[in-house]
Amino acid sequence: MNYRHAFHAGNFADVVKHLALTAALLHLRRKDSSFAVIDTHAGRGAYDLGGEEAARTGEAANGIGRLDALQGEGALGEYLSLACGRDTYPGSPLIAAALLRPQDRLVAIEKHPEEAQRLKAALARIRQARVEEGDGYKRLAALLPPPERRGLVLIDPPFEAPEEFAAEVEALRVGLKRFATGIYLLWFPIKSEAQANAFAGEVLNAGVKKALRIDIDLGATVTMPGEKDRLAAAGLIVVNPPFGFAEEMRAHLSCIAPLLADKAKADVRWIAGGE
């Protein structure tokens, strides 16, 4: 396994992604009817911010660590309560699990055996959560549509291989055919604007009717001695975002972006449909 999210957990990209996840789940909770959450690349669930991996990169300190004094309402307040001031950073499955009601459920999929075992331990006390060890891309179709007919799918691959963009689009295409009304969150790194725009175009070609793109750009590439340039920009495409989600994210990100970096910019724009 070349990629270990423990080195990057709680960084600027996680902050934006997990804030969006929190906001979308709170929207789903507004109705009494149950919903399902499917996390296709769930990771280990909890990440030790005092451990060697986090200390080596310092990404959490420059991400969630910069928000310790921040206060907020709504989704921002909920996310901060889950992620700030803790020795461990909660990955997406733990954030989702914390927001489940008794009638809701989570399926968290992780391909790598060691990470899957850690995830099972992290979610062991959550009755509504199930961990599957397997390929999230391959498992997704079998899990859709969820019996609840309401829900969210998070597709957050590690981007270890060049074909990851295409695989993510194909997963969305398959998902929409089986569960057209679901909320889909697709994370992606931005290493070139042309590549990011091409990915957004392929997402639209997958049959998307309504989609929002959220970008966070630190404005400069962060480097450390002996290391290659680190990721300084990332994006999230939200398919079928709930009503009011776009304005809510704009408001929250206007508070967060200046704290992440002096030149950081956040952009929330419709790429299909709108309100």
C-alpha atoms as a PDB file:
ATOM      1  CA  MET A   1       0.000   0.000   0.000  1.00  0.00           C
ATOM      2  CA  ASN A   2       1.747   3.176  -1.178  1.00  0.00           C
ATOM      3  CA  TYR A   3      -0.772   5.625   0.255  1.00  0.00           C
ATOM      4  CA  ARG A   4      -1.322   6.096   3.974  1.00  0.00           C
ATOM      5  CA  HIS A   5      -3.926   8.673   4.836  1.00  0.00           C
ATOM      6  CA  ALA A   6      -2.496   8.910   8.353  1.00  0.00           C
ATOM      7  CA  PHE A   7       0.173  11.220   6.923  1.00  0.00           C
ATOM      8  CA  HIS A   8      -2.532  13.564   5.576  1.00  0.00           C
ATOM      9  CA  ALA A   9      -5.467  13.146   7.970  1.00  0.00           C
ATOM     10  CA  GLY A  10      -6.910  16.425   9.144  1.00  0.00           C
ATOM     11  CA  ASN A  11      -5.229  18.459   6.412  1.00  0.00           C
ATOM     12  CA  PHE A  12      -6.893  21.326   4.530  1.00  0.00           C
ATOM     13  CA  ALA A  13      -8.531  18.957   2.032  1.00  0.00           C
ATOM     14  CA  ASP A  14     -10.003  16.807   4.804  1.00  0.00           C
ATOM     15  CA  VAL A  15     -11.384  19.893   6.520  1.00  0.00           C
ATOM     16  CA  VAL A  16     -13.377  20.979   3.468  1.00  0.00           C
ATOM     17  CA  LYS A  17     -14.429  17.464   2.483  1.00  0.00           C
ATOM     18  CA  HIS A  18     -15.605  16.526   5.965  1.00  0.00           C
ATOM     19  CA  LEU A  19     -17.385  19.833   6.481  1.00  0.00           C
ATOM     20  CA  ALA A  20     -19.317  19.179   3.269  1.00  0.00           C
ATOM     21  CA  LEU A  21     -20.078  15.626   4.406  1.00  0.00           C
ATOM     22  CA  THR A  22     -21.381  16.945   7.729  1.00  0.00           C
ATOM     23  CA  ALA A  23     -23.546  19.544   6.007  1.00  0.00           C
ATOM     24  CA  ALA A  24     -25.066  17.013   3.599  1.00  0.00           C
ATOM     25  CA  LEU A  25     -25.842  14.535   6.384  1.00  0.00           C
ATOM     26  CA  LEU A  26     -27.505  17.212   8.492  1.00  0.00           C
ATOM     27  CA  HIS A  27     -29.728  17.995   5.516  1.00  0.00           C
ATOM     28  CA  LEU A  28     -30.699  14.313   5.267  1.00  0.00           C
ATOM     29  CA  ARG A  29     -31.552  14.303   8.975  1.00  0.00           C
ATOM     30  CA  ARG A  30     -34.182  17.004   8.480  1.00  0.00           C
ATOM     31  CA  LYS A  31     -36.652  14.346   7.374  1.00  0.00           C
ATOM     32  CA  ASP A  32     -37.716  11.604   9.758  1.00  0.00           C
ATOM     33  CA  SER A  33     -37.358   8.853   7.150  1.00  0.00           C
ATOM     34  CA  SER A  34     -34.201   6.754   7.321  1.00  0.00           C
ATOM     35  CA  PHE A  35     -31.179   7.110   5.062  1.00  0.00           C
ATOM     36  CA  ALA A  36     -28.054   5.134   4.194  1.00  0.00           C
ATOM     37  CA  VAL A  37     -24.447   6.272   3.882  1.00  0.00           C
ATOM     38  CA  ILE A  38     -21.981   4.367   1.719  1.00  0.00           C
ATOM     39  CA  ASP A  39     -18.287   5.221   2.055  1.00  0.00           C
ATOM     40  CA  THR A  40     -16.380   3.474  -0.752  1.00  0.00           C
ATOM     41  CA  HIS A  41     -12.818   4.211   0.439  1.00  0.00           C
ATOM     42  CA  ALA A  42     -13.259   4.502   4.180  1.00  0.00           C
ATOM     43  CA  GLY A  43      -9.713   4.159   5.532  1.00  0.00           C
ATOM     44  CA  ARG A  44      -9.029   3.255   9.147  1.00  0.00           C
ATOM     45  CA  GLY A  45     -11.554   5.640  10.685  1.00  0.00           C
ATOM     46  CA  ALA A  46      -9.456   7.294  13.390  1.00  0.00           C
ATOM     47  CA  TYR A  47      -6.035   8.908  13.018  1.00  0.00           C
ATOM     48  CA  ASP A  48      -3.599   9.644  15.826  1.00  0.00           C
ATOM     49  CA  LEU A  49      -2.607  13.303  15.546  1.00  0.00           C
ATOM     50  CA  GLY A  50       0.182  12.795  18.058  1.00  0.00           C
ATOM     51  CA  GLY A  51       1.688   9.893  16.156  1.00  0.00           C
ATOM     52  CA  GLU A  52       4.797   9.716  14.015  1.00  0.00           C
ATOM     53  CA  GLU A  53       2.886   9.875  10.725  1.00  0.00           C
ATOM     54  CA  ALA A  54       1.058  13.106  11.545  1.00  0.00           C
ATOM     55  CA  ALA A  55       4.171  14.656  13.069  1.00  0.00           C
ATOM     56  CA  ARG A  56       6.280  13.867  10.026  1.00  0.00           C
ATOM     57  CA  THR A  57       4.135  15.943   7.666  1.00  0.00           C
ATOM     58  CA  GLY A  58       2.541  18.506   9.973  1.00  0.00           C
ATOM     59  CA  GLU A  59      -0.489  18.580   7.677  1.00  0.00           C
ATOM     60  CA  ALA A  60      -3.040  18.239  10.470  1.00  0.00           C
ATOM     61  CA  ALA A  61      -1.442  21.120  12.368  1.00  0.00           C
ATOM     62  CA  ASN A  62      -1.850  23.256   9.256  1.00  0.00           C
ATOM     63  CA  GLY A  63      -5.380  21.984   8.690  1.00  0.00           C
ATOM     64  CA  ILE A  64      -7.756  21.143  11.517  1.00  0.00           C
ATOM     65  CA  GLY A  65      -5.173  22.490  13.993  1.00  0.00           C
ATOM     66  CA  ARG A  66      -5.731  26.000  12.669  1.00  0.00           C
ATOM     67  CA  LEU A  67      -9.427  25.860  13.544  1.00  0.00           C
ATOM     68  CA  ASP A  68      -9.114  25.187  17.284  1.00  0.00           C
ATOM     69  CA  ALA A  69     -10.277  28.676  18.250  1.00  0.00           C
ATOM     70  CA  LEU A  70     -13.000  28.875  15.618  1.00  0.00           C
ATOM     71  CA  GLN A  71     -16.661  28.716  16.562  1.00  0.00           C
ATOM     72  CA  GLY A  72     -19.561  28.202  14.240  1.00  0.00           C
ATOM     73  CA  GLU A  73     -23.192  27.300  13.898  1.00  0.00           C
ATOM     74  CA  GLY A  74     -24.996  24.635  11.919  1.00  0.00           C
ATOM     75  CA  ALA A  75     -22.792  22.220   9.993  1.00  0.00           C
ATOM     76  CA  LEU A  76     -19.626  24.146  10.834  1.00  0.00           C
ATOM     77  CA  GLY A  77     -20.324  23.974  14.542  1.00  0.00           C
ATOM     78  CA  GLU A  78     -21.158  20.278  14.309  1.00  0.00           C
ATOM     79  CA  TYR A  79     -17.978  19.502  12.370  1.00  0.00           C
ATOM     80  CA  LEU A  80     -15.791  21.477  14.777  1.00  0.00           C
ATOM     81  CA  SER A  81     -17.312  19.636  17.740  1.00  0.00           C
ATOM     82  CA  LEU A  82     -16.435  16.307  16.128  1.00  0.00           C
ATOM     83  CA  ALA A  83     -12.955  17.151  14.857  1.00  0.00           C
ATOM     84  CA  CYS A  84     -11.330  19.886  16.965  1.00  0.00           C
ATOM     85  CA  GLY A  85      -9.500  19.623  20.271  1.00  0.00           C
ATOM     86  CA  ARG A  86      -8.957  15.883  20.059  1.00  0.00           C
ATOM     87  CA  ASP A  87      -5.930  13.585  20.048  1.00  0.00           C
ATOM     88  CA  THR A  88      -7.386  11.678  17.110  1.00  0.00           C
ATOM     89  CA  TYR A  89      -8.907  12.967  13.915  1.00  0.00           C
ATOM     90  CA  PRO A  90     -12.140  11.264  12.776  1.00  0.00           C
ATOM     91  CA  GLY A  91     -12.156  10.070   9.187  1.00  0.00           C
ATOM     92  CA  SER A  92     -15.309  10.136   7.092  1.00  0.00           C
ATOM     93  CA  PRO A  93     -16.815   6.891   8.475  1.00  0.00           C
ATOM     94  CA  LEU A  94     -16.558   8.137  12.059  1.00  0.00           C
ATOM     95  CA  ILE A  95     -18.060  11.496  11.157  1.00  0.00           C
ATOM     96  CA  ALA A  96     -20.916   9.747   9.360  1.00  0.00           C
ATOM     97  CA  ALA A  97     -21.422   7.326  12.247  1.00  0.00           C
ATOM     98  CA  ALA A  98     -21.633  10.199  14.735  1.00  0.00           C
ATOM     99  CA  LEU A  99     -24.482  11.732  12.728  1.00  0.00           C
ATOM    100  CA  LEU A 100     -26.562   8.594  12.277  1.00  0.00           C
ATOM    101  CA  ARG A 101     -29.907   8.335  14.007  1.00  0.00           C
ATOM    102  CA  PRO A 102     -31.221   4.955  15.203  1.00  0.00           C
ATOM    103  CA  GLN A 103     -33.052   4.422  11.902  1.00  0.00           C
ATOM    104  CA  ASP A 104     -30.058   5.266   9.679  1.00  0.00           C
ATOM    105  CA  ARG A 105     -27.098   3.102   8.688  1.00  0.00           C
ATOM    106  CA  LEU A 106     -23.560   3.210   7.334  1.00  0.00           C
ATOM    107  CA  VAL A 107     -21.664   0.818   5.073  1.00  0.00           C
ATOM    108  CA  ALA A 108     -17.939   1.584   5.170  1.00  0.00           C
ATOM    109  CA  ILE A 109     -15.756  -0.214   2.630  1.00  0.00           C
ATOM    110  CA  GLU A 110     -11.976  -0.505   2.857  1.00  0.00           C
ATOM    111  CA  LYS A 111      -9.785  -2.511   0.516  1.00  0.00           C
ATOM    112  CA  HIS A 112      -6.599  -2.880   2.560  1.00  0.00           C
ATOM    113  CA  PRO A 113      -6.836  -5.582   5.270  1.00  0.00           C
ATOM    114  CA  GLU A 114      -4.873  -3.772   7.980  1.00  0.00           C
ATOM    115  CA  GLU A 115      -6.868  -0.567   7.562  1.00  0.00           C
ATOM    116  CA  ALA A 116     -10.130  -2.518   7.434  1.00  0.00           C
ATOM    117  CA  GLN A 117      -9.350  -4.204  10.738  1.00  0.00           C
ATOM    118  CA  ARG A 118      -8.638  -0.859  12.363  1.00  0.00           C
ATOM    119  CA  LEU A 119     -11.872   0.499  10.940  1.00  0.00           C
ATOM    120  CA  LYS A 120     -13.841  -2.423  12.385  1.00  0.00           C
ATOM    121  CA  ALA A 121     -12.380  -1.657  15.801  1.00  0.00           C
ATOM    122  CA  ALA A 122     -13.192   2.048  15.458  1.00  0.00           C
ATOM    123  CA  LEU A 123     -16.833   1.337  14.563  1.00  0.00           C
ATOM    124  CA  ALA A 124     -17.344  -1.703  16.797  1.00  0.00           C
ATOM    125  CA  ARG A 125     -19.788   0.045  19.117  1.00  0.00           C
ATOM    126  CA  ILE A 126     -21.899   1.605  16.363  1.00  0.00           C
ATOM    127  CA  ARG A 127     -24.820  -0.736  15.833  1.00  0.00           C
ATOM    128  CA  GLN A 128     -25.914   0.919  12.588  1.00  0.00           C
ATOM    129  CA  ALA A 129     -22.464   0.687  10.984  1.00  0.00           C
ATOM    130  CA  ARG A 130     -21.097  -2.213   8.940  1.00  0.00           C
ATOM    131  CA  VAL A 131     -17.546  -2.537   7.643  1.00  0.00           C
ATOM    132  CA  GLU A 132     -16.799  -4.438   4.464  1.00  0.00           C
ATOM    133  CA  GLU A 133     -13.280  -5.395   3.421  1.00  0.00           C
ATOM    134  CA  GLY A 134     -13.219  -5.116  -0.360  1.00  0.00           C
ATOM    135  CA  ASP A 135     -12.981  -2.944  -3.439  1.00  0.00           C
ATOM    136  CA  GLY A 136     -15.355  -0.019  -2.988  1.00  0.00           C
ATOM    137  CA  TYR A 137     -15.755   0.497  -6.721  1.00  0.00           C
ATOM    138  CA  LYS A 138     -16.831  -3.107  -7.225  1.00  0.00           C
ATOM    139  CA  ARG A 139     -19.093  -3.234  -4.179  1.00  0.00           C
ATOM    140  CA  LEU A 140     -20.993  -0.016  -4.883  1.00  0.00           C
ATOM    141  CA  ALA A 141     -23.375  -1.340  -7.533  1.00  0.00           C
ATOM    142  CA  ALA A 142     -24.439  -4.231  -5.294  1.00  0.00           C
ATOM    143  CA  LEU A 143     -25.329  -1.821  -2.492  1.00  0.00           C
ATOM    144  CA  LEU A 144     -27.523   0.426  -4.634  1.00  0.00           C
ATOM    145  CA  PRO A 145     -30.285   1.368  -4.493  1.00  0.00           C
ATOM    146  CA  PRO A 146     -30.402   1.296  -0.699  1.00  0.00           C
ATOM    147  CA  PRO A 147     -33.642  -0.043   0.772  1.00  0.00           C
ATOM    148  CA  GLU A 148     -34.172   3.342   2.419  1.00  0.00           C
ATOM    149  CA  ARG A 149     -34.286   5.061  -1.015  1.00  0.00           C
ATOM    150  CA  ARG A 150     -32.527   8.016   0.589  1.00  0.00           C
ATOM    151  CA  GLY A 151     -28.859   8.438   1.175  1.00  0.00           C
ATOM    152  CA  LEU A 152     -25.368   9.620   0.410  1.00  0.00           C
ATOM    153  CA  VAL A 153     -22.414   8.000  -1.339  1.00  0.00           C
ATOM    154  CA  LEU A 154     -18.895   9.266  -0.621  1.00  0.00           C
ATOM    155  CA  ILE A 155     -16.315   8.312  -3.264  1.00  0.00           C
ATOM    156  CA  ASP A 156     -12.950   9.382  -1.904  1.00  0.00           C
ATOM    157  CA  PRO A 157     -10.173   7.282  -3.486  1.00  0.00           C
ATOM    158  CA  PRO A 158      -6.464   7.671  -2.655  1.00  0.00           C
ATOM    159  CA  PHE A 159      -5.492   8.556  -6.238  1.00  0.00           C
ATOM    160  CA  GLU A 160      -2.597   6.140  -6.240  1.00  0.00           C
ATOM    161  CA  ALA A 161      -2.926   5.476  -9.967  1.00  0.00           C
ATOM    162  CA  PRO A 162      -3.471   7.680 -13.053  1.00  0.00           C
ATOM    163  CA  GLU A 163      -6.709   5.889 -13.920  1.00  0.00           C
ATOM    164  CA  GLU A 164      -8.329   6.900 -10.611  1.00  0.00           C
ATOM    165  CA  PHE A 165     -10.194   9.814 -12.212  1.00  0.00           C
ATOM    166  CA  ALA A 166     -11.787   7.498 -14.778  1.00  0.00           C
ATOM    167  CA  ALA A 167     -12.629   4.904 -12.131  1.00  0.00           C
ATOM    168  CA  GLU A 168     -14.360   7.503  -9.991  1.00  0.00           C
ATOM    169  CA  VAL A 169     -16.464   8.729 -12.919  1.00  0.00           C
ATOM    170  CA  GLU A 170     -17.435   5.175 -13.840  1.00  0.00           C
ATOM    171  CA  ALA A 171     -18.484   4.488 -10.249  1.00  0.00           C
ATOM    172  CA  LEU A 172     -20.710   7.551 -10.382  1.00  0.00           C
ATOM    173  CA  ARG A 173     -22.163   6.495 -13.731  1.00  0.00           C
ATOM    174  CA  VAL A 174     -23.063   3.063 -12.354  1.00  0.00           C
ATOM    175  CA  GLY A 175     -24.395   4.592  -9.153  1.00  0.00           C
ATOM    176  CA  LEU A 176     -26.704   7.032 -10.908  1.00  0.00           C
ATOM    177  CA  LYS A 177     -28.236   4.277 -13.003  1.00  0.00           C
ATOM    178  CA  ARG A 178     -29.253   2.443  -9.835  1.00  0.00           C
ATOM    179  CA  PHE A 179     -29.803   5.339  -7.442  1.00  0.00           C
ATOM    180  CA  ALA A 180     -30.439   8.498  -9.439  1.00  0.00           C
ATOM    181  CA  THR A 181     -31.716  10.560  -6.501  1.00  0.00           C
ATOM    182  CA  GLY A 182     -28.818   9.900  -4.138  1.00  0.00           C
ATOM    183  CA  ILE A 183     -26.355  12.543  -2.987  1.00  0.00           C
ATOM    184  CA  TYR A 184     -22.849  11.775  -4.295  1.00  0.00           C
ATOM    185  CA  LEU A 185     -19.669  13.386  -2.982  1.00  0.00           C
ATOM    186  CA  LEU A 186     -16.632  12.898  -5.238  1.00  0.00           C
ATOM    187  CA  TRP A 187     -13.277  14.078  -3.913  1.00  0.00           C
ATOM    188  CA  PHE A 188     -10.327  14.810  -6.205  1.00  0.00           C
ATOM    189  CA  PRO A 189      -6.882  16.419  -5.969  1.00  0.00           C
ATOM    190  CA  ILE A 190      -6.160  19.483  -8.082  1.00  0.00           C
ATOM    191  CA  LYS A 191      -2.652  19.260  -9.466  1.00  0.00           C
ATOM    192  CA  SER A 192      -3.531  21.068 -12.680  1.00  0.00           C
ATOM    193  CA  GLU A 193      -6.574  23.143 -13.540  1.00  0.00           C
ATOM    194  CA  ALA A 194      -6.863  21.457 -16.933  1.00  0.00           C
ATOM    195  CA  GLN A 195      -7.029  18.011 -15.344  1.00  0.00           C
ATOM    196  CA  ALA A 196      -9.584  19.157 -12.764  1.00  0.00           C
ATOM    197  CA  ASN A 197     -11.772  20.739 -15.444  1.00  0.00           C
ATOM    198  CA  ALA A 198     -11.557  17.611 -17.584  1.00  0.00           C
ATOM    199  CA  PHE A 199     -12.661  15.514 -14.620  1.00  0.00           C
ATOM    200  CA  ALA A 200     -15.618  17.831 -13.984  1.00  0.00           C
ATOM    201  CA  GLY A 201     -16.573  17.509 -17.635  1.00  0.00           C
ATOM    202  CA  GLU A 202     -16.521  13.719 -17.448  1.00  0.00           C
ATOM    203  CA  VAL A 203     -18.702  13.846 -14.349  1.00  0.00           C
ATOM    204  CA  LEU A 204     -21.279  15.857 -16.280  1.00  0.00           C
ATOM    205  CA  ASN A 205     -21.107  13.350 -19.137  1.00  0.00           C
ATOM    206  CA  ALA A 206     -22.068  10.610 -16.665  1.00  0.00           C
ATOM    207  CA  GLY A 207     -25.657  11.827 -16.773  1.00  0.00           C
ATOM    208  CA  VAL A 208     -25.565  14.367 -13.965  1.00  0.00           C
ATOM    209  CA  LYS A 209     -28.466  16.847 -13.879  1.00  0.00           C
ATOM    210  CA  LYS A 210     -27.482  18.868 -10.832  1.00  0.00           C
ATOM    211  CA  ALA A 211     -23.948  19.298  -9.491  1.00  0.00           C
ATOM    212  CA  LEU A 212     -21.909  21.672  -7.399  1.00  0.00           C
ATOM    213  CA  ARG A 213     -18.124  22.018  -7.491  1.00  0.00           C
ATOM    214  CA  ILE A 214     -16.214  23.095  -4.380  1.00  0.00           C
ATOM    215  CA  ASP A 215     -12.523  23.998  -4.690  1.00  0.00           C
ATOM    216  CA  ILE A 216     -10.064  24.904  -1.950  1.00  0.00           C
ATOM    217  CA  ASP A 217      -6.711  26.367  -3.009  1.00  0.00           C
ATOM    218  CA  LEU A 218      -4.072  27.352  -0.466  1.00  0.00           C
ATOM    219  CA  GLY A 219      -2.510  29.700  -3.002  1.00  0.00           C
ATOM    220  CA  ALA A 220       1.004  28.284  -2.683  1.00  0.00           C
ATOM    221  CA  THR A 221       2.672  24.892  -2.712  1.00  0.00           C
ATOM    222  CA  VAL A 222       3.928  23.828   0.706  1.00  0.00           C
ATOM    223  CA  THR A 223       7.315  22.124   0.767  1.00  0.00           C
ATOM    224  CA  MET A 224       9.522  20.489   3.339  1.00  0.00           C
ATOM    225  CA  PRO A 225      13.211  19.616   3.004  1.00  0.00           C
ATOM    226  CA  GLY A 226      13.713  16.379   1.107  1.00  0.00           C
ATOM    227  CA  GLU A 227      10.078  16.113   0.043  1.00  0.00           C
ATOM    228  CA  LYS A 228       8.287  16.748  -3.202  1.00  0.00           C
ATOM    229  CA  ASP A 229       5.768  19.562  -3.406  1.00  0.00           C
ATOM    230  CA  ARG A 230       2.662  18.785  -1.414  1.00  0.00           C
ATOM    231  CA  LEU A 231      -0.891  19.042  -2.551  1.00  0.00           C
ATOM    232  CA  ALA A 232      -2.057  22.647  -2.279  1.00  0.00           C
ATOM    233  CA  ALA A 233      -5.486  22.452  -3.911  1.00  0.00           C
ATOM    234  CA  ALA A 234      -8.327  19.962  -3.873  1.00  0.00           C
ATOM    235  CA  GLY A 235     -11.911  19.740  -5.034  1.00  0.00           C
ATOM    236  CA  LEU A 236     -15.214  18.106  -4.285  1.00  0.00           C
ATOM    237  CA  ILE A 237     -18.079  17.583  -6.710  1.00  0.00           C
ATOM    238  CA  VAL A 238     -21.450  17.201  -5.033  1.00  0.00           C
ATOM    239  CA  VAL A 239     -24.093  15.591  -7.207  1.00  0.00           C
ATOM    240  CA  ASN A 240     -27.714  16.243  -6.214  1.00  0.00           C
ATOM    241  CA  PRO A 241     -26.810  18.651  -3.395  1.00  0.00           C
ATOM    242  CA  PRO A 242     -29.669  19.426  -1.003  1.00  0.00           C
ATOM    243  CA  PHE A 243     -31.514  22.728  -1.320  1.00  0.00           C
ATOM    244  CA  GLY A 244     -29.569  25.488   0.426  1.00  0.00           C
ATOM    245  CA  PHE A 245     -26.352  23.450   0.591  1.00  0.00           C
ATOM    246  CA  ALA A 246     -24.434  25.731  -1.803  1.00  0.00           C
ATOM    247  CA  GLU A 247     -25.060  28.937   0.141  1.00  0.00           C
ATOM    248  CA  GLU A 248     -24.357  27.175   3.395  1.00  0.00           C
ATOM    249  CA  MET A 249     -20.960  25.970   2.154  1.00  0.00           C
ATOM    250  CA  ARG A 250     -20.075  29.418   0.819  1.00  0.00           C
ATOM    251  CA  ALA A 251     -20.756  30.916   4.226  1.00  0.00           C
ATOM    252  CA  HIS A 252     -18.792  28.281   6.126  1.00  0.00           C
ATOM    253  CA  LEU A 253     -15.807  28.355   3.781  1.00  0.00           C
ATOM    254  CA  SER A 254     -15.580  32.132   3.992  1.00  0.00           C
ATOM    255  CA  CYS A 255     -14.790  31.604   7.689  1.00  0.00           C
ATOM    256  CA  ILE A 256     -12.421  28.675   7.231  1.00  0.00           C
ATOM    257  CA  ALA A 257     -10.321  29.559   4.184  1.00  0.00           C
ATOM    258  CA  PRO A 258      -8.482  32.576   5.696  1.00  0.00           C
ATOM    259  CA  LEU A 259      -7.429  30.432   8.655  1.00  0.00           C
ATOM    260  CA  LEU A 260      -5.944  27.675   6.501  1.00  0.00           C
ATOM    261  CA  ALA A 261      -3.533  29.970   4.645  1.00  0.00           C
ATOM    262  CA  ASP A 262      -3.069  33.684   4.034  1.00  0.00           C
ATOM    263  CA  LYS A 263      -3.758  33.311   0.319  1.00  0.00           C
ATOM    264  CA  ALA A 264      -6.274  30.490   0.526  1.00  0.00           C
ATOM    265  CA  LYS A 265      -9.344  30.747  -1.674  1.00  0.00           C
ATOM    266  CA  ALA A 266     -12.517  28.691  -1.661  1.00  0.00           C
ATOM    267  CA  ASP A 267     -14.842  28.536  -4.630  1.00  0.00           C
ATOM    268  CA  VAL A 268     -18.362  27.084  -4.663  1.00  0.00           C
ATOM    269  CA  ARG A 269     -20.083  27.074  -8.050  1.00  0.00           C
ATOM    270  CA  TRP A 270     -22.763  25.227  -9.938  1.00  0.00           C
ATOM    271  CA  ILE A 271     -21.544  23.191 -12.880  1.00  0.00           C
ATOM    272  CA  ALA A 272     -24.956  21.689 -13.674  1.00  0.00           C
ATOM    273  CA  GLY A 273     -28.431  22.863 -12.703  1.00  0.00           C
ATOM    274  CA  GLY A 274     -28.748  25.252  -9.797  1.00  0.00           C
ATOM    275  CA  GLU A 275     -31.285  26.626  -7.334  1.00  0.00           C
END
